[in-house]
């Protein structure tokens, strides 16, 4: 029986972006010859409460949603959000689900960059939970002012408000620290900063590692 992947989006607009990118990568893989070779993909885009601030730790709704997915007896659950992975252990213990851990994938990726200085751009919750902090990696932490602008940008982005000032501030911060390798540790960050258009900036969009993981398992 074909494996089934549950792709779970917490930021709704990430659904189309991630799904289209995933399909493009699957089409390029050796495993796909015709349409029948694609895995069955079930998308569950949930109206999840935001947990971007440190201390926003109520994950009861998330546990219920995961339990709904477990009923389908899927092979793997991919939670397309960074911050929720700060609670990965709790969610697995409560649901017994096979939730793919983005932290492990990021650790393996950054292990190849030990000679670089890494800067994490994510929510306060992601930063203060040390989600992407690993031994042997040289980090440059953002200061409170930059973290404030990251928080503001995410909240404005998700409520369709103007965040052009925050974008300018964050782009300037990145160019001023261009020696760093930047980790976009929030699904909104790449679109907020337009980091793909920033010349000479090295970065990782963490959710791309999920795509690589899915394709590798075909």
C-alpha atoms as a PDB file:
ATOM      1  CA  UNK A   1       0.000   0.000   0.000  1.00  0.00           C
ATOM      2  CA  UNK A   2       1.253   3.442  -0.862  1.00  0.00           C
ATOM      3  CA  UNK A   3       2.525   5.506   2.000  1.00  0.00           C
ATOM      4  CA  UNK A   4       0.368   8.421   3.062  1.00  0.00           C
ATOM      5  CA  UNK A   5       1.833  11.695   4.203  1.00  0.00           C
ATOM      6  CA  UNK A   6      -0.184  14.132   6.224  1.00  0.00           C
ATOM      7  CA  UNK A   7       0.935  17.677   5.574  1.00  0.00           C
ATOM      8  CA  UNK A   8      -0.336  19.951   8.291  1.00  0.00           C
ATOM      9  CA  UNK A   9      -0.306  23.699   7.779  1.00  0.00           C
ATOM     10  CA  UNK A  10      -0.695  26.172  10.599  1.00  0.00           C
ATOM     11  CA  UNK A  11      -0.225  29.309   8.486  1.00  0.00           C
ATOM     12  CA  UNK A  12      -2.941  28.814   5.784  1.00  0.00           C
ATOM     13  CA  UNK A  13      -1.144  30.586   2.919  1.00  0.00           C
ATOM     14  CA  UNK A  14       1.781  28.201   3.317  1.00  0.00           C
ATOM     15  CA  UNK A  15      -0.452  25.415   1.990  1.00  0.00           C
ATOM     16  CA  UNK A  16      -0.303  26.350  -1.677  1.00  0.00           C
ATOM     17  CA  UNK A  17       3.358  27.354  -1.564  1.00  0.00           C
ATOM     18  CA  UNK A  18       4.587  24.221   0.145  1.00  0.00           C
ATOM     19  CA  UNK A  19       2.346  21.837  -1.815  1.00  0.00           C
ATOM     20  CA  UNK A  20       3.371  23.212  -5.220  1.00  0.00           C
ATOM     21  CA  UNK A  21       7.039  23.150  -4.273  1.00  0.00           C
ATOM     22  CA  UNK A  22       6.696  19.591  -2.996  1.00  0.00           C
ATOM     23  CA  UNK A  23       5.016  18.414  -6.199  1.00  0.00           C
ATOM     24  CA  UNK A  24       7.753  20.016  -8.311  1.00  0.00           C
ATOM     25  CA  UNK A  25      10.434  18.168  -6.344  1.00  0.00           C
ATOM     26  CA  UNK A  26       8.512  14.878  -6.473  1.00  0.00           C
ATOM     27  CA  UNK A  27       8.147  15.191 -10.265  1.00  0.00           C
ATOM     28  CA  UNK A  28      11.916  15.554 -10.573  1.00  0.00           C
ATOM     29  CA  UNK A  29      12.620  12.487  -8.458  1.00  0.00           C
ATOM     30  CA  UNK A  30      13.484   9.138  -9.980  1.00  0.00           C
ATOM     31  CA  UNK A  31      10.510   7.503  -8.223  1.00  0.00           C
ATOM     32  CA  UNK A  32       7.819   9.167 -10.350  1.00  0.00           C
ATOM     33  CA  UNK A  33       7.074   7.745 -13.775  1.00  0.00           C
ATOM     34  CA  UNK A  34       3.349   8.437 -14.010  1.00  0.00           C
ATOM     35  CA  UNK A  35       0.561   9.965 -11.935  1.00  0.00           C
ATOM     36  CA  UNK A  36      -0.109   6.689 -10.130  1.00  0.00           C
ATOM     37  CA  UNK A  37       3.367   6.834  -8.597  1.00  0.00           C
ATOM     38  CA  UNK A  38       2.612   9.916  -6.522  1.00  0.00           C
ATOM     39  CA  UNK A  39       2.046   9.359  -2.803  1.00  0.00           C
ATOM     40  CA  UNK A  40      -1.381  10.022  -1.385  1.00  0.00           C
ATOM     41  CA  UNK A  41      -1.162  13.442   0.235  1.00  0.00           C
ATOM     42  CA  UNK A  42      -3.741  14.593   2.737  1.00  0.00           C
ATOM     43  CA  UNK A  43      -3.694  18.290   3.555  1.00  0.00           C
ATOM     44  CA  UNK A  44      -5.132  19.509   6.835  1.00  0.00           C
ATOM     45  CA  UNK A  45      -4.978  23.292   7.158  1.00  0.00           C
ATOM     46  CA  UNK A  46      -6.054  24.162  10.680  1.00  0.00           C
ATOM     47  CA  UNK A  47      -7.238  27.377  12.315  1.00  0.00           C
ATOM     48  CA  UNK A  48      -4.514  27.116  14.917  1.00  0.00           C
ATOM     49  CA  UNK A  49      -3.926  29.626  17.711  1.00  0.00           C
ATOM     50  CA  UNK A  50      -0.688  31.562  17.357  1.00  0.00           C
ATOM     51  CA  UNK A  51       2.144  30.539  19.674  1.00  0.00           C
ATOM     52  CA  UNK A  52       4.775  33.035  18.579  1.00  0.00           C
ATOM     53  CA  UNK A  53       5.348  34.563  22.028  1.00  0.00           C
ATOM     54  CA  UNK A  54       7.361  32.778  24.681  1.00  0.00           C
ATOM     55  CA  UNK A  55       4.912  31.304  27.175  1.00  0.00           C
ATOM     56  CA  UNK A  56       2.154  30.798  24.588  1.00  0.00           C
ATOM     57  CA  UNK A  57       2.248  27.111  25.362  1.00  0.00           C
ATOM     58  CA  UNK A  58      -1.324  25.879  25.126  1.00  0.00           C
ATOM     59  CA  UNK A  59      -1.173  23.034  22.607  1.00  0.00           C
ATOM     60  CA  UNK A  60      -4.393  21.229  23.531  1.00  0.00           C
ATOM     61  CA  UNK A  61      -5.966  22.105  20.162  1.00  0.00           C
ATOM     62  CA  UNK A  62      -2.935  20.741  18.360  1.00  0.00           C
ATOM     63  CA  UNK A  63      -3.171  17.451  20.242  1.00  0.00           C
ATOM     64  CA  UNK A  64      -6.801  17.059  19.161  1.00  0.00           C
ATOM     65  CA  UNK A  65      -5.936  17.761  15.522  1.00  0.00           C
ATOM     66  CA  UNK A  66      -3.092  15.258  15.541  1.00  0.00           C
ATOM     67  CA  UNK A  67      -5.368  12.628  17.079  1.00  0.00           C
ATOM     68  CA  UNK A  68      -7.755  13.216  14.179  1.00  0.00           C
ATOM     69  CA  UNK A  69      -4.931  12.523  11.749  1.00  0.00           C
ATOM     70  CA  UNK A  70      -3.791   9.386  13.590  1.00  0.00           C
ATOM     71  CA  UNK A  71      -7.185   7.827  12.825  1.00  0.00           C
ATOM     72  CA  UNK A  72      -6.105   7.695   9.159  1.00  0.00           C
ATOM     73  CA  UNK A  73      -3.183   5.401  10.111  1.00  0.00           C
ATOM     74  CA  UNK A  74      -0.665   7.497   8.220  1.00  0.00           C
ATOM     75  CA  UNK A  75       3.036   6.783   7.996  1.00  0.00           C
ATOM     76  CA  UNK A  76       4.181  10.271   8.835  1.00  0.00           C
ATOM     77  CA  UNK A  77       2.904  13.664   9.930  1.00  0.00           C
ATOM     78  CA  UNK A  78       4.726  16.791   8.812  1.00  0.00           C
ATOM     79  CA  UNK A  79       3.835  19.898  10.813  1.00  0.00           C
ATOM     80  CA  UNK A  80       4.548  22.829   8.515  1.00  0.00           C
ATOM     81  CA  UNK A  81       5.457  25.273  11.231  1.00  0.00           C
ATOM     82  CA  UNK A  82       8.649  25.833  13.176  1.00  0.00           C
ATOM     83  CA  UNK A  83       7.382  27.013  16.537  1.00  0.00           C
ATOM     84  CA  UNK A  84       5.072  24.044  17.095  1.00  0.00           C
ATOM     85  CA  UNK A  85       8.140  21.788  17.005  1.00  0.00           C
ATOM     86  CA  UNK A  86       9.233  23.273  20.317  1.00  0.00           C
ATOM     87  CA  UNK A  87       6.485  20.998  21.673  1.00  0.00           C
ATOM     88  CA  UNK A  88       7.381  17.986  19.543  1.00  0.00           C
ATOM     89  CA  UNK A  89       8.102  15.657  22.463  1.00  0.00           C
ATOM     90  CA  UNK A  90       4.873  16.574  24.262  1.00  0.00           C
ATOM     91  CA  UNK A  91       2.796  16.066  21.099  1.00  0.00           C
ATOM     92  CA  UNK A  92       4.358  12.666  20.406  1.00  0.00           C
ATOM     93  CA  UNK A  93       3.887  11.534  24.008  1.00  0.00           C
ATOM     94  CA  UNK A  94       0.237  12.608  23.999  1.00  0.00           C
ATOM     95  CA  UNK A  95      -0.711  11.179  20.593  1.00  0.00           C
ATOM     96  CA  UNK A  96       1.819   8.404  19.807  1.00  0.00           C
ATOM     97  CA  UNK A  97       1.942   9.829  16.290  1.00  0.00           C
ATOM     98  CA  UNK A  98       4.965   9.583  14.005  1.00  0.00           C
ATOM     99  CA  UNK A  99       5.611  13.318  13.780  1.00  0.00           C
ATOM    100  CA  UNK A 100       8.726  14.063  11.755  1.00  0.00           C
ATOM    101  CA  UNK A 101      10.994  16.249  13.867  1.00  0.00           C
ATOM    102  CA  UNK A 102      12.256  19.313  12.013  1.00  0.00           C
ATOM    103  CA  UNK A 103      14.857  19.867  14.737  1.00  0.00           C
ATOM    104  CA  UNK A 104      16.687  16.685  13.749  1.00  0.00           C
ATOM    105  CA  UNK A 105      16.707  17.657  10.085  1.00  0.00           C
ATOM    106  CA  UNK A 106      18.045  21.133  10.829  1.00  0.00           C
ATOM    107  CA  UNK A 107      20.743  19.681  13.087  1.00  0.00           C
ATOM    108  CA  UNK A 108      21.957  17.422  10.273  1.00  0.00           C
ATOM    109  CA  UNK A 109      21.978  20.318   7.820  1.00  0.00           C
ATOM    110  CA  UNK A 110      23.848  22.748  10.078  1.00  0.00           C
ATOM    111  CA  UNK A 111      26.460  20.087  10.860  1.00  0.00           C
ATOM    112  CA  UNK A 112      27.899  20.864   7.425  1.00  0.00           C
ATOM    113  CA  UNK A 113      28.234  24.556   8.289  1.00  0.00           C
ATOM    114  CA  UNK A 114      30.421  24.419  11.384  1.00  0.00           C
ATOM    115  CA  UNK A 115      32.772  26.994   9.848  1.00  0.00           C
ATOM    116  CA  UNK A 116      29.981  29.535   9.393  1.00  0.00           C
ATOM    117  CA  UNK A 117      28.270  31.849  11.851  1.00  0.00           C
ATOM    118  CA  UNK A 118      24.566  30.964  12.007  1.00  0.00           C
ATOM    119  CA  UNK A 119      21.788  33.415  12.781  1.00  0.00           C
ATOM    120  CA  UNK A 120      18.276  32.159  13.582  1.00  0.00           C
ATOM    121  CA  UNK A 121      15.351  34.319  12.437  1.00  0.00           C
ATOM    122  CA  UNK A 122      12.210  33.056  14.147  1.00  0.00           C
ATOM    123  CA  UNK A 123       9.534  33.684  16.722  1.00  0.00           C
ATOM    124  CA  UNK A 124      10.383  34.479  20.314  1.00  0.00           C
ATOM    125  CA  UNK A 125       9.042  31.056  21.255  1.00  0.00           C
ATOM    126  CA  UNK A 126      11.318  29.307  18.768  1.00  0.00           C
ATOM    127  CA  UNK A 127      14.369  31.251  19.949  1.00  0.00           C
ATOM    128  CA  UNK A 128      13.811  30.938  23.695  1.00  0.00           C
ATOM    129  CA  UNK A 129      12.967  27.240  23.488  1.00  0.00           C
ATOM    130  CA  UNK A 130      16.412  26.699  21.896  1.00  0.00           C
ATOM    131  CA  UNK A 131      14.739  24.764  19.089  1.00  0.00           C
ATOM    132  CA  UNK A 132      17.654  25.184  16.698  1.00  0.00           C
ATOM    133  CA  UNK A 133      20.494  25.504  19.192  1.00  0.00           C
ATOM    134  CA  UNK A 134      23.065  22.735  18.756  1.00  0.00           C
ATOM    135  CA  UNK A 135      26.450  22.032  20.232  1.00  0.00           C
ATOM    136  CA  UNK A 136      29.334  22.836  17.925  1.00  0.00           C
ATOM    137  CA  UNK A 137      27.485  25.530  15.940  1.00  0.00           C
ATOM    138  CA  UNK A 138      28.703  29.129  16.155  1.00  0.00           C
ATOM    139  CA  UNK A 139      25.690  31.430  16.535  1.00  0.00           C
ATOM    140  CA  UNK A 140      25.063  35.142  16.326  1.00  0.00           C
ATOM    141  CA  UNK A 141      21.926  35.940  18.289  1.00  0.00           C
ATOM    142  CA  UNK A 142      19.621  38.768  17.276  1.00  0.00           C
ATOM    143  CA  UNK A 143      19.209  41.510  19.869  1.00  0.00           C
ATOM    144  CA  UNK A 144      15.915  42.440  21.526  1.00  0.00           C
ATOM    145  CA  UNK A 145      15.220  45.209  19.017  1.00  0.00           C
ATOM    146  CA  UNK A 146      15.522  42.938  15.989  1.00  0.00           C
ATOM    147  CA  UNK A 147      13.476  40.242  17.729  1.00  0.00           C
ATOM    148  CA  UNK A 148      10.789  42.849  18.407  1.00  0.00           C
ATOM    149  CA  UNK A 149      10.650  43.720  14.703  1.00  0.00           C
ATOM    150  CA  UNK A 150      10.487  40.028  13.775  1.00  0.00           C
ATOM    151  CA  UNK A 151       7.517  39.546  16.099  1.00  0.00           C
ATOM    152  CA  UNK A 152       5.797  42.653  14.727  1.00  0.00           C
ATOM    153  CA  UNK A 153       6.412  41.620  11.125  1.00  0.00           C
ATOM    154  CA  UNK A 154       4.925  38.165  11.684  1.00  0.00           C
ATOM    155  CA  UNK A 155       1.822  39.525  13.415  1.00  0.00           C
ATOM    156  CA  UNK A 156       1.284  42.174  10.736  1.00  0.00           C
ATOM    157  CA  UNK A 157       1.874  39.671   7.951  1.00  0.00           C
ATOM    158  CA  UNK A 158      -0.708  37.282   9.383  1.00  0.00           C
ATOM    159  CA  UNK A 159      -3.287  40.053   9.773  1.00  0.00           C
ATOM    160  CA  UNK A 160      -2.640  41.547   6.306  1.00  0.00           C
ATOM    161  CA  UNK A 161      -1.266  44.816   7.669  1.00  0.00           C
ATOM    162  CA  UNK A 162       1.605  46.844   6.225  1.00  0.00           C
ATOM    163  CA  UNK A 163       4.960  45.503   7.406  1.00  0.00           C
ATOM    164  CA  UNK A 164       7.194  47.339   4.941  1.00  0.00           C
ATOM    165  CA  UNK A 165       9.069  49.134   7.749  1.00  0.00           C
ATOM    166  CA  UNK A 166       9.860  45.841   9.478  1.00  0.00           C
ATOM    167  CA  UNK A 167      10.942  44.345   6.156  1.00  0.00           C
ATOM    168  CA  UNK A 168      13.373  47.221   5.563  1.00  0.00           C
ATOM    169  CA  UNK A 169      14.796  46.937   9.094  1.00  0.00           C
ATOM    170  CA  UNK A 170      15.267  43.172   8.811  1.00  0.00           C
ATOM    171  CA  UNK A 171      16.779  43.368   5.340  1.00  0.00           C
ATOM    172  CA  UNK A 172      19.269  45.975   6.588  1.00  0.00           C
ATOM    173  CA  UNK A 173      20.138  43.735   9.537  1.00  0.00           C
ATOM    174  CA  UNK A 174      20.791  40.818   7.190  1.00  0.00           C
ATOM    175  CA  UNK A 175      22.970  42.853   4.809  1.00  0.00           C
ATOM    176  CA  UNK A 176      24.887  44.309   7.756  1.00  0.00           C
ATOM    177  CA  UNK A 177      25.628  40.744   8.887  1.00  0.00           C
ATOM    178  CA  UNK A 178      26.067  39.114   5.504  1.00  0.00           C
ATOM    179  CA  UNK A 179      28.893  36.950   6.806  1.00  0.00           C
ATOM    180  CA  UNK A 180      26.224  34.895   8.617  1.00  0.00           C
ATOM    181  CA  UNK A 181      24.240  31.938   7.387  1.00  0.00           C
ATOM    182  CA  UNK A 182      20.574  32.748   8.098  1.00  0.00           C
ATOM    183  CA  UNK A 183      17.977  30.193   9.133  1.00  0.00           C
ATOM    184  CA  UNK A 184      14.411  31.246   8.321  1.00  0.00           C
ATOM    185  CA  UNK A 185      12.907  29.610  11.383  1.00  0.00           C
ATOM    186  CA  UNK A 186       9.343  30.739  10.746  1.00  0.00           C
ATOM    187  CA  UNK A 187       7.289  29.829   7.689  1.00  0.00           C
ATOM    188  CA  UNK A 188       6.461  33.502   7.134  1.00  0.00           C
ATOM    189  CA  UNK A 189      10.034  34.819   7.268  1.00  0.00           C
ATOM    190  CA  UNK A 190      11.054  34.158   3.676  1.00  0.00           C
ATOM    191  CA  UNK A 191       8.036  36.028   2.338  1.00  0.00           C
ATOM    192  CA  UNK A 192       8.297  38.826   4.887  1.00  0.00           C
ATOM    193  CA  UNK A 193      11.949  39.588   4.134  1.00  0.00           C
ATOM    194  CA  UNK A 194      11.983  38.612   0.421  1.00  0.00           C
ATOM    195  CA  UNK A 195      15.223  36.867   1.275  1.00  0.00           C
ATOM    196  CA  UNK A 196      15.267  34.969  -2.024  1.00  0.00           C
ATOM    197  CA  UNK A 197      15.784  38.306  -3.791  1.00  0.00           C
ATOM    198  CA  UNK A 198      18.632  39.439  -1.534  1.00  0.00           C
ATOM    199  CA  UNK A 199      21.868  39.109  -3.473  1.00  0.00           C
ATOM    200  CA  UNK A 200      24.713  37.269  -1.780  1.00  0.00           C
ATOM    201  CA  UNK A 201      22.711  36.123   1.247  1.00  0.00           C
ATOM    202  CA  UNK A 202      23.037  32.466   2.257  1.00  0.00           C
ATOM    203  CA  UNK A 203      19.988  31.060   4.001  1.00  0.00           C
ATOM    204  CA  UNK A 204      17.930  27.988   4.802  1.00  0.00           C
ATOM    205  CA  UNK A 205      14.159  27.772   4.652  1.00  0.00           C
ATOM    206  CA  UNK A 206      13.677  24.990   7.201  1.00  0.00           C
ATOM    207  CA  UNK A 207      10.517  23.618   5.617  1.00  0.00           C
ATOM    208  CA  UNK A 208      12.518  22.794   2.491  1.00  0.00           C
ATOM    209  CA  UNK A 209      14.125  20.046   4.565  1.00  0.00           C
ATOM    210  CA  UNK A 210      10.695  18.442   4.912  1.00  0.00           C
ATOM    211  CA  UNK A 211      10.412  18.376   1.126  1.00  0.00           C
ATOM    212  CA  UNK A 212      13.797  16.679   0.845  1.00  0.00           C
ATOM    213  CA  UNK A 213      12.748  14.154   3.510  1.00  0.00           C
ATOM    214  CA  UNK A 214       9.483  13.308   1.754  1.00  0.00           C
ATOM    215  CA  UNK A 215      11.122  12.882  -1.635  1.00  0.00           C
ATOM    216  CA  UNK A 216      13.889  10.719  -0.152  1.00  0.00           C
ATOM    217  CA  UNK A 217      11.273   8.321   1.236  1.00  0.00           C
ATOM    218  CA  UNK A 218       9.426   7.781  -2.050  1.00  0.00           C
END
